[in-house]
Amino acid sequence: MNLLMIPKNTDFRITKIKQNKLNNLNQYRHLENLGFVEGAIISVVSENSGNLIVKVKDSRVAIGHDIASAIIVGGI
């Protein structure tokens, strides 16, 4: 399931980031630099109009609907 489908305040593990759904390789690399890598623990803090604030590696990051749909998560 993608990041848009998970409930708030529940930890999940990133299993894959679909590069073909992102605009370019730079966007993928930027996500990696922010901590969005396979195996990282992630949780949704809040949601507003499809945009999410997520907690990853003890930081809170705002991401858009399009990027959230490219991040595939699974249970811990």
N, C-alpha and C. Protein backbone atom coordinates (compact mmCIF):
# COMPACT_ATOMS: atom_id res chain seq x y z
N MET A 1 0.84 -1.18 0.00
CA MET A 1 0.00 0.00 0.00
C MET A 1 0.88 1.23 0.00
N ASN A 2 0.37 2.32 -0.52
CA ASN A 2 1.18 3.53 -0.54
C ASN A 2 0.94 4.38 0.70
N LEU A 3 1.71 5.40 0.85
CA LEU A 3 1.70 6.22 2.05
C LEU A 3 0.35 6.90 2.30
N LEU A 4 -0.42 7.14 1.26
CA LEU A 4 -1.71 7.80 1.41
C LEU A 4 -2.74 6.92 2.11
N MET A 5 -2.52 5.62 2.15
CA MET A 5 -3.51 4.68 2.68
C MET A 5 -3.32 4.35 4.16
N ILE A 6 -2.19 4.73 4.74
CA ILE A 6 -1.94 4.28 6.11
C ILE A 6 -2.61 5.20 7.13
N PRO A 7 -2.99 4.66 8.27
CA PRO A 7 -3.62 5.48 9.32
C PRO A 7 -2.60 6.38 10.01
N LYS A 8 -3.08 7.41 10.64
CA LYS A 8 -2.20 8.35 11.34
C LYS A 8 -1.57 7.70 12.56
N ASN A 9 -0.39 8.18 12.90
CA ASN A 9 0.33 7.81 14.11
C ASN A 9 0.58 6.31 14.26
N THR A 10 0.76 5.62 13.16
CA THR A 10 1.09 4.21 13.16
C THR A 10 2.38 4.03 12.37
N ASP A 11 3.33 3.32 12.95
CA ASP A 11 4.62 3.13 12.28
C ASP A 11 4.54 2.08 11.19
N PHE A 12 5.15 2.39 10.07
CA PHE A 12 5.28 1.47 8.94
C PHE A 12 6.72 1.55 8.43
N ARG A 13 7.10 0.56 7.66
CA ARG A 13 8.45 0.52 7.08
C ARG A 13 8.34 0.78 5.57
N ILE A 14 9.21 1.64 5.06
CA ILE A 14 9.25 1.90 3.62
C ILE A 14 9.81 0.66 2.93
N THR A 15 9.04 0.12 1.99
CA THR A 15 9.50 -1.06 1.27
C THR A 15 10.02 -0.72 -0.12
N LYS A 16 9.51 0.37 -0.70
CA LYS A 16 9.94 0.74 -2.05
C LYS A 16 9.54 2.17 -2.35
N ILE A 17 10.34 2.83 -3.16
CA ILE A 17 9.98 4.15 -3.69
C ILE A 17 9.96 4.02 -5.20
N LYS A 18 8.81 4.24 -5.80
CA LYS A 18 8.64 4.08 -7.24
C LYS A 18 9.24 5.28 -7.96
N GLN A 19 10.39 5.08 -8.58
CA GLN A 19 11.06 6.17 -9.27
C GLN A 19 10.29 6.65 -10.49
N ASN A 20 9.55 5.75 -11.12
CA ASN A 20 8.81 6.15 -12.32
C ASN A 20 7.65 7.10 -12.01
N LYS A 21 7.21 7.18 -10.75
CA LYS A 21 6.14 8.12 -10.39
C LYS A 21 6.67 9.49 -10.00
N LEU A 22 7.98 9.59 -9.80
CA LEU A 22 8.59 10.87 -9.46
C LEU A 22 8.96 11.61 -10.74
N ASN A 23 9.11 12.92 -10.64
CA ASN A 23 9.38 13.74 -11.82
C ASN A 23 10.75 13.48 -12.43
N ASN A 24 11.76 13.30 -11.58
CA ASN A 24 13.11 13.09 -12.09
C ASN A 24 13.98 12.45 -11.03
N LEU A 25 15.21 12.14 -11.41
CA LEU A 25 16.15 11.49 -10.49
C LEU A 25 16.53 12.41 -9.34
N ASN A 26 16.56 13.71 -9.57
CA ASN A 26 16.89 14.65 -8.50
C ASN A 26 15.87 14.60 -7.37
N GLN A 27 14.61 14.43 -7.70
CA GLN A 27 13.57 14.33 -6.69
C GLN A 27 13.76 13.06 -5.85
N TYR A 28 14.14 11.97 -6.50
CA TYR A 28 14.41 10.72 -5.79
C TYR A 28 15.60 10.89 -4.85
N ARG A 29 16.64 11.51 -5.31
CA ARG A 29 17.84 11.72 -4.48
C ARG A 29 17.54 12.65 -3.31
N HIS A 30 16.69 13.65 -3.53
CA HIS A 30 16.31 14.56 -2.44
C HIS A 30 15.56 13.79 -1.36
N LEU A 31 14.66 12.91 -1.76
CA LEU A 31 13.95 12.09 -0.78
C LEU A 31 14.93 11.22 0.01
N GLU A 32 15.91 10.65 -0.67
CA GLU A 32 16.93 9.85 0.03
C GLU A 32 17.66 10.69 1.06
N ASN A 33 18.01 11.91 0.70
CA ASN A 33 18.72 12.80 1.63
C ASN A 33 17.88 13.17 2.84
N LEU A 34 16.57 13.19 2.68
CA LEU A 34 15.67 13.49 3.79
C LEU A 34 15.41 12.26 4.68
N GLY A 35 15.83 11.08 4.23
CA GLY A 35 15.66 9.87 5.04
C GLY A 35 14.63 8.90 4.49
N PHE A 36 14.05 9.20 3.34
CA PHE A 36 13.07 8.31 2.71
C PHE A 36 13.81 7.23 1.93
N VAL A 37 14.27 6.22 2.64
CA VAL A 37 15.00 5.11 2.02
C VAL A 37 14.31 3.81 2.41
N GLU A 38 14.54 2.76 1.63
CA GLU A 38 13.95 1.46 1.93
C GLU A 38 14.43 1.00 3.30
N GLY A 39 13.47 0.55 4.10
CA GLY A 39 13.77 0.08 5.45
C GLY A 39 13.56 1.11 6.53
N ALA A 40 13.39 2.38 6.18
CA ALA A 40 13.19 3.43 7.17
C ALA A 40 11.78 3.34 7.77
N ILE A 41 11.68 3.67 9.05
CA ILE A 41 10.38 3.69 9.73
C ILE A 41 9.74 5.05 9.49
N ILE A 42 8.46 5.03 9.14
CA ILE A 42 7.75 6.26 8.79
C ILE A 42 6.34 6.22 9.38
N SER A 43 5.82 7.38 9.75
CA SER A 43 4.43 7.46 10.21
C SER A 43 3.84 8.79 9.77
N VAL A 44 2.55 8.80 9.55
CA VAL A 44 1.84 10.01 9.13
C VAL A 44 1.42 10.77 10.39
N VAL A 45 1.82 12.04 10.48
CA VAL A 45 1.46 12.87 11.62
C VAL A 45 0.12 13.56 11.37
N SER A 46 -0.04 14.14 10.17
CA SER A 46 -1.30 14.79 9.83
C SER A 46 -1.49 14.81 8.33
N GLU A 47 -2.74 15.05 7.92
CA GLU A 47 -3.10 15.06 6.50
C GLU A 47 -4.04 16.23 6.26
N ASN A 48 -3.79 16.95 5.16
CA ASN A 48 -4.64 18.07 4.81
C ASN A 48 -4.72 18.17 3.29
N SER A 49 -5.89 17.93 2.75
CA SER A 49 -6.14 18.00 1.30
C SER A 49 -5.20 17.10 0.50
N GLY A 50 -4.88 15.95 1.04
CA GLY A 50 -4.01 15.01 0.33
C GLY A 50 -2.54 15.20 0.60
N ASN A 51 -2.16 16.35 1.13
CA ASN A 51 -0.76 16.59 1.49
C ASN A 51 -0.53 16.05 2.90
N LEU A 52 0.66 15.52 3.14
CA LEU A 52 0.94 14.85 4.40
C LEU A 52 2.11 15.49 5.13
N ILE A 53 2.06 15.43 6.44
CA ILE A 53 3.22 15.67 7.27
C ILE A 53 3.57 14.32 7.85
N VAL A 54 4.79 13.87 7.58
CA VAL A 54 5.21 12.54 8.02
C VAL A 54 6.43 12.66 8.92
N LYS A 55 6.57 11.67 9.79
CA LYS A 55 7.73 11.59 10.67
C LYS A 55 8.62 10.50 10.14
N VAL A 56 9.85 10.87 9.82
CA VAL A 56 10.84 9.91 9.33
C VAL A 56 12.18 10.28 9.96
N LYS A 57 12.82 9.31 10.58
CA LYS A 57 14.12 9.51 11.24
C LYS A 57 14.10 10.70 12.19
N ASP A 58 13.12 10.75 13.07
CA ASP A 58 12.98 11.79 14.11
C ASP A 58 12.84 13.20 13.55
N SER A 59 12.42 13.34 12.30
CA SER A 59 12.15 14.64 11.70
C SER A 59 10.75 14.62 11.11
N ARG A 60 10.14 15.78 11.05
CA ARG A 60 8.83 15.91 10.39
C ARG A 60 9.04 16.61 9.06
N VAL A 61 8.45 16.00 8.02
CA VAL A 61 8.63 16.50 6.66
C VAL A 61 7.26 16.59 6.00
N ALA A 62 6.99 17.68 5.30
CA ALA A 62 5.75 17.83 4.54
C ALA A 62 6.00 17.34 3.12
N ILE A 63 5.10 16.49 2.62
CA ILE A 63 5.22 16.01 1.24
C ILE A 63 3.85 16.11 0.57
N GLY A 64 3.89 16.25 -0.73
CA GLY A 64 2.68 16.37 -1.52
C GLY A 64 2.05 15.02 -1.83
N HIS A 65 0.84 15.10 -2.34
CA HIS A 65 0.06 13.91 -2.69
C HIS A 65 0.78 13.05 -3.72
N ASP A 66 1.39 13.68 -4.72
CA ASP A 66 2.07 12.93 -5.78
C ASP A 66 3.28 12.16 -5.27
N ILE A 67 4.05 12.75 -4.38
CA ILE A 67 5.20 12.05 -3.82
C ILE A 67 4.74 10.95 -2.87
N ALA A 68 3.73 11.21 -2.07
CA ALA A 68 3.23 10.22 -1.13
C ALA A 68 2.72 8.96 -1.87
N SER A 69 2.17 9.14 -3.05
CA SER A 69 1.66 7.98 -3.78
C SER A 69 2.80 7.12 -4.35
N ALA A 70 4.02 7.67 -4.42
CA ALA A 70 5.17 6.92 -4.93
C ALA A 70 5.89 6.12 -3.85
N ILE A 71 5.54 6.37 -2.58
CA ILE A 71 6.20 5.70 -1.46
C ILE A 71 5.35 4.51 -1.01
N ILE A 72 5.90 3.31 -1.15
CA ILE A 72 5.19 2.08 -0.80
C ILE A 72 5.67 1.63 0.58
N VAL A 73 4.70 1.32 1.45
CA VAL A 73 5.04 0.93 2.82
C VAL A 73 4.43 -0.43 3.15
N GLY A 74 4.98 -1.05 4.17
CA GLY A 74 4.48 -2.31 4.69
C GLY A 74 4.57 -2.31 6.19
N GLY A 75 4.00 -3.31 6.81
CA GLY A 75 4.04 -3.39 8.27
C GLY A 75 5.43 -3.62 8.79
N ILE A 76 5.60 -3.35 10.07
CA ILE A 76 6.92 -3.52 10.70
C ILE A 76 7.15 -4.98 11.01
